[in-house]
C-alpha atoms as a PDB file:
ATOM      1  CA  UNK A   1      -0.007   0.003   0.006  1.00  0.00           C
ATOM      2  CA  UNK A   2       1.505   3.320  -0.988  1.00  0.00           C
ATOM      3  CA  UNK A   3      -0.483   5.530   1.315  1.00  0.00           C
ATOM      4  CA  UNK A   4       0.551   8.900   2.633  1.00  0.00           C
ATOM      5  CA  UNK A   5       1.955   7.095   5.640  1.00  0.00           C
ATOM      6  CA  UNK A   6       4.056   4.948   3.378  1.00  0.00           C
ATOM      7  CA  UNK A   7       4.239   1.287   2.471  1.00  0.00           C
ATOM      8  CA  UNK A   8       3.865  -1.436   5.040  1.00  0.00           C
ATOM      9  CA  UNK A   9       3.990   1.011   7.970  1.00  0.00           C
ATOM     10  CA  UNK A  10       0.609   2.377   6.890  1.00  0.00           C
ATOM     11  CA  UNK A  11      -0.865  -1.100   6.552  1.00  0.00           C
ATOM     12  CA  UNK A  12       0.567  -2.084   9.926  1.00  0.00           C
ATOM     13  CA  UNK A  13      -1.025   0.944  11.613  1.00  0.00           C
ATOM     14  CA  UNK A  14      -4.394   0.302   9.995  1.00  0.00           C
ATOM     15  CA  UNK A  15      -4.389  -3.385  10.922  1.00  0.00           C
ATOM     16  CA  UNK A  16      -3.236  -2.624  14.476  1.00  0.00           C
ATOM     17  CA  UNK A  17      -6.015  -0.076  14.837  1.00  0.00           C
ATOM     18  CA  UNK A  18      -8.624  -2.488  13.473  1.00  0.00           C
ATOM     19  CA  UNK A  19      -7.425  -5.415  15.583  1.00  0.00           C
ATOM     20  CA  UNK A  20      -9.476  -4.265  18.562  1.00  0.00           C
ATOM     21  CA  UNK A  21     -13.201  -5.091  18.368  1.00  0.00           C
ATOM     22  CA  UNK A  22     -14.138  -1.968  20.320  1.00  0.00           C
ATOM     23  CA  UNK A  23     -12.262   0.210  17.813  1.00  0.00           C
ATOM     24  CA  UNK A  24     -14.054  -1.495  14.958  1.00  0.00           C
ATOM     25  CA  UNK A  25     -17.336  -0.773  16.734  1.00  0.00           C
ATOM     26  CA  UNK A  26     -16.332   2.898  17.189  1.00  0.00           C
ATOM     27  CA  UNK A  27     -15.387   3.102  13.512  1.00  0.00           C
ATOM     28  CA  UNK A  28     -18.648   1.444  12.382  1.00  0.00           C
ATOM     29  CA  UNK A  29     -20.687   3.803  14.528  1.00  0.00           C
ATOM     30  CA  UNK A  30     -18.750   6.818  13.287  1.00  0.00           C
ATOM     31  CA  UNK A  31     -19.240   5.726   9.681  1.00  0.00           C
ATOM     32  CA  UNK A  32     -22.977   5.398  10.274  1.00  0.00           C
ATOM     33  CA  UNK A  33     -23.149   8.837  11.890  1.00  0.00           C
ATOM     34  CA  UNK A  34     -20.880  10.402   9.206  1.00  0.00           C
ATOM     35  CA  UNK A  35     -19.408  12.685  11.874  1.00  0.00           C
ATOM     36  CA  UNK A  36     -19.566  12.711  15.654  1.00  0.00           C
ATOM     37  CA  UNK A  37     -17.893  13.862  18.797  1.00  0.00           C
ATOM     38  CA  UNK A  38     -16.430  11.454  21.375  1.00  0.00           C
ATOM     39  CA  UNK A  39     -19.292  12.436  23.679  1.00  0.00           C
ATOM     40  CA  UNK A  40     -21.888  11.493  21.073  1.00  0.00           C
ATOM     41  CA  UNK A  41     -20.168   8.180  20.357  1.00  0.00           C
ATOM     42  CA  UNK A  42     -19.848   7.365  24.058  1.00  0.00           C
ATOM     43  CA  UNK A  43     -23.576   7.815  24.505  1.00  0.00           C
ATOM     44  CA  UNK A  44     -24.113   4.942  22.052  1.00  0.00           C
ATOM     45  CA  UNK A  45     -21.367   2.660  23.336  1.00  0.00           C
ATOM     46  CA  UNK A  46     -20.923   0.666  26.574  1.00  0.00           C
ATOM     47  CA  UNK A  47     -17.648   2.452  27.353  1.00  0.00           C
ATOM     48  CA  UNK A  48     -16.718   5.795  28.892  1.00  0.00           C
ATOM     49  CA  UNK A  49     -16.043   8.950  26.916  1.00  0.00           C
ATOM     50  CA  UNK A  50     -12.388   8.726  27.980  1.00  0.00           C
ATOM     51  CA  UNK A  51     -12.156   5.218  26.531  1.00  0.00           C
ATOM     52  CA  UNK A  52     -13.756   6.414  23.281  1.00  0.00           C
ATOM     53  CA  UNK A  53     -11.214   9.259  23.081  1.00  0.00           C
ATOM     54  CA  UNK A  54      -8.358   6.747  23.474  1.00  0.00           C
ATOM     55  CA  UNK A  55      -9.785   4.503  20.776  1.00  0.00           C
ATOM     56  CA  UNK A  56     -10.316   7.503  18.459  1.00  0.00           C
ATOM     57  CA  UNK A  57      -6.701   8.563  19.006  1.00  0.00           C
ATOM     58  CA  UNK A  58      -5.477   5.150  17.837  1.00  0.00           C
ATOM     59  CA  UNK A  59      -7.838   5.208  14.863  1.00  0.00           C
ATOM     60  CA  UNK A  60      -6.580   8.712  14.003  1.00  0.00           C
ATOM     61  CA  UNK A  61      -2.948   7.564  14.288  1.00  0.00           C
ATOM     62  CA  UNK A  62      -3.806   4.778  11.862  1.00  0.00           C
ATOM     63  CA  UNK A  63      -5.243   7.339   9.433  1.00  0.00           C
ATOM     64  CA  UNK A  64      -8.727   5.876   9.707  1.00  0.00           C
ATOM     65  CA  UNK A  65     -10.357   8.952  11.215  1.00  0.00           C
ATOM     66  CA  UNK A  66      -9.702  12.656  11.195  1.00  0.00           C
ATOM     67  CA  UNK A  67     -10.668  15.278  13.745  1.00  0.00           C
ATOM     68  CA  UNK A  68     -11.525  18.960  13.577  1.00  0.00           C
ATOM     69  CA  UNK A  69     -12.002  21.249  16.555  1.00  0.00           C
ATOM     70  CA  UNK A  70     -15.541  22.598  16.793  1.00  0.00           C
ATOM     71  CA  UNK A  71     -15.907  24.912  19.761  1.00  0.00           C
ATOM     72  CA  UNK A  72     -14.868  22.883  22.799  1.00  0.00           C
ATOM     73  CA  UNK A  73     -14.938  19.413  21.257  1.00  0.00           C
ATOM     74  CA  UNK A  74     -13.332  17.518  18.432  1.00  0.00           C
ATOM     75  CA  UNK A  75     -15.547  16.375  15.580  1.00  0.00           C
ATOM     76  CA  UNK A  76     -14.448  13.053  14.059  1.00  0.00           C
ATOM     77  CA  UNK A  77     -15.033  11.706  10.555  1.00  0.00           C
ATOM     78  CA  UNK A  78     -13.984   8.470   8.837  1.00  0.00           C
ATOM     79  CA  UNK A  79     -11.197   8.709   6.271  1.00  0.00           C
ATOM     80  CA  UNK A  80     -12.187   6.097   3.668  1.00  0.00           C
ATOM     81  CA  UNK A  81      -9.072   6.485   1.504  1.00  0.00           C
ATOM     82  CA  UNK A  82      -6.893   4.637   3.999  1.00  0.00           C
ATOM     83  CA  UNK A  83      -9.439   1.847   4.317  1.00  0.00           C
ATOM     84  CA  UNK A  84      -9.676   1.588   0.534  1.00  0.00           C
ATOM     85  CA  UNK A  85      -5.910   1.455   0.170  1.00  0.00           C
ATOM     86  CA  UNK A  86      -5.686  -1.260   2.808  1.00  0.00           C
ATOM     87  CA  UNK A  87      -8.455  -3.214   1.073  1.00  0.00           C
ATOM     88  CA  UNK A  88      -6.548  -2.975  -2.227  1.00  0.00           C
ATOM     89  CA  UNK A  89      -3.401  -4.251  -0.482  1.00  0.00           C
ATOM     90  CA  UNK A  90      -5.384  -7.162   0.966  1.00  0.00           C
ATOM     91  CA  UNK A  91      -6.862  -7.918  -2.479  1.00  0.00           C
ATOM     92  CA  UNK A  92      -3.375  -8.082  -3.989  1.00  0.00           C
ATOM     93  CA  UNK A  93      -2.197 -10.334  -1.147  1.00  0.00           C
ATOM     94  CA  UNK A  94      -5.198 -12.647  -1.622  1.00  0.00           C
ATOM     95  CA  UNK A  95      -4.586 -12.812  -5.377  1.00  0.00           C
ATOM     96  CA  UNK A  96      -0.933 -13.685  -4.767  1.00  0.00           C
ATOM     97  CA  UNK A  97      -1.944 -16.502  -2.409  1.00  0.00           C
ATOM     98  CA  UNK A  98      -4.534 -17.733  -4.900  1.00  0.00           C
ATOM     99  CA  UNK A  99      -1.802 -17.955  -7.580  1.00  0.00           C
ATOM    100  CA  UNK A 100       0.497 -19.833  -5.202  1.00  0.00           C
ATOM    101  CA  UNK A 101      -2.212 -22.289  -4.194  1.00  0.00           C
ATOM    102  CA  UNK A 102      -3.156 -22.861  -7.838  1.00  0.00           C
ATOM    103  CA  UNK A 103       0.473 -23.648  -8.633  1.00  0.00           C
ATOM    104  CA  UNK A 104       0.671 -26.125  -5.771  1.00  0.00           C
ATOM    105  CA  UNK A 105      -2.597 -27.730  -6.874  1.00  0.00           C
ATOM    106  CA  UNK A 106      -1.244 -28.136 -10.459  1.00  0.00           C
ATOM    107  CA  UNK A 107       1.977 -29.681  -9.136  1.00  0.00           C
ATOM    108  CA  UNK A 108       0.051 -32.140  -6.916  1.00  0.00           C
ATOM    109  CA  UNK A 109      -2.265 -33.070  -9.794  1.00  0.00           C
ATOM    110  CA  UNK A 110       0.737 -33.636 -12.089  1.00  0.00           C
ATOM    111  CA  UNK A 111       2.449 -35.829  -9.523  1.00  0.00           C
ATOM    112  CA  UNK A 112      -0.747 -37.824  -9.025  1.00  0.00           C
ATOM    113  CA  UNK A 113      -1.124 -38.269 -12.788  1.00  0.00           C
ATOM    114  CA  UNK A 114       2.502 -39.290 -13.225  1.00  0.00           C
ATOM    115  CA  UNK A 115       2.404 -41.767 -10.322  1.00  0.00           C
ATOM    116  CA  UNK A 116      -0.621 -43.705 -11.595  1.00  0.00           C
ATOM    117  CA  UNK A 117       0.210 -47.167 -13.052  1.00  0.00           C
END
């Protein structure tokens, strides 16, 4: 992935951020809301506002969300470009594994054919 954060480091940050189920829940909720404050998100989650802020900081470090100060609070939005770039990286990885497995399957089939009496 050639994101603004650069190569595998960007993918690593995204995957680390998404590894936690609570962060995925925060991200899903934020995507559904389009934009929200930590307070608004905390009202819809079974965790404290402070915990939501910590999760949002990790998501922001991973490039998955962005924040803008609005009066006394930060307003968060999802940054889909980083998710899309990570999905493209995962698609390329899956395609590479599919090619490798197809090669192995062809080799096994050839060995089986050649070993028949």
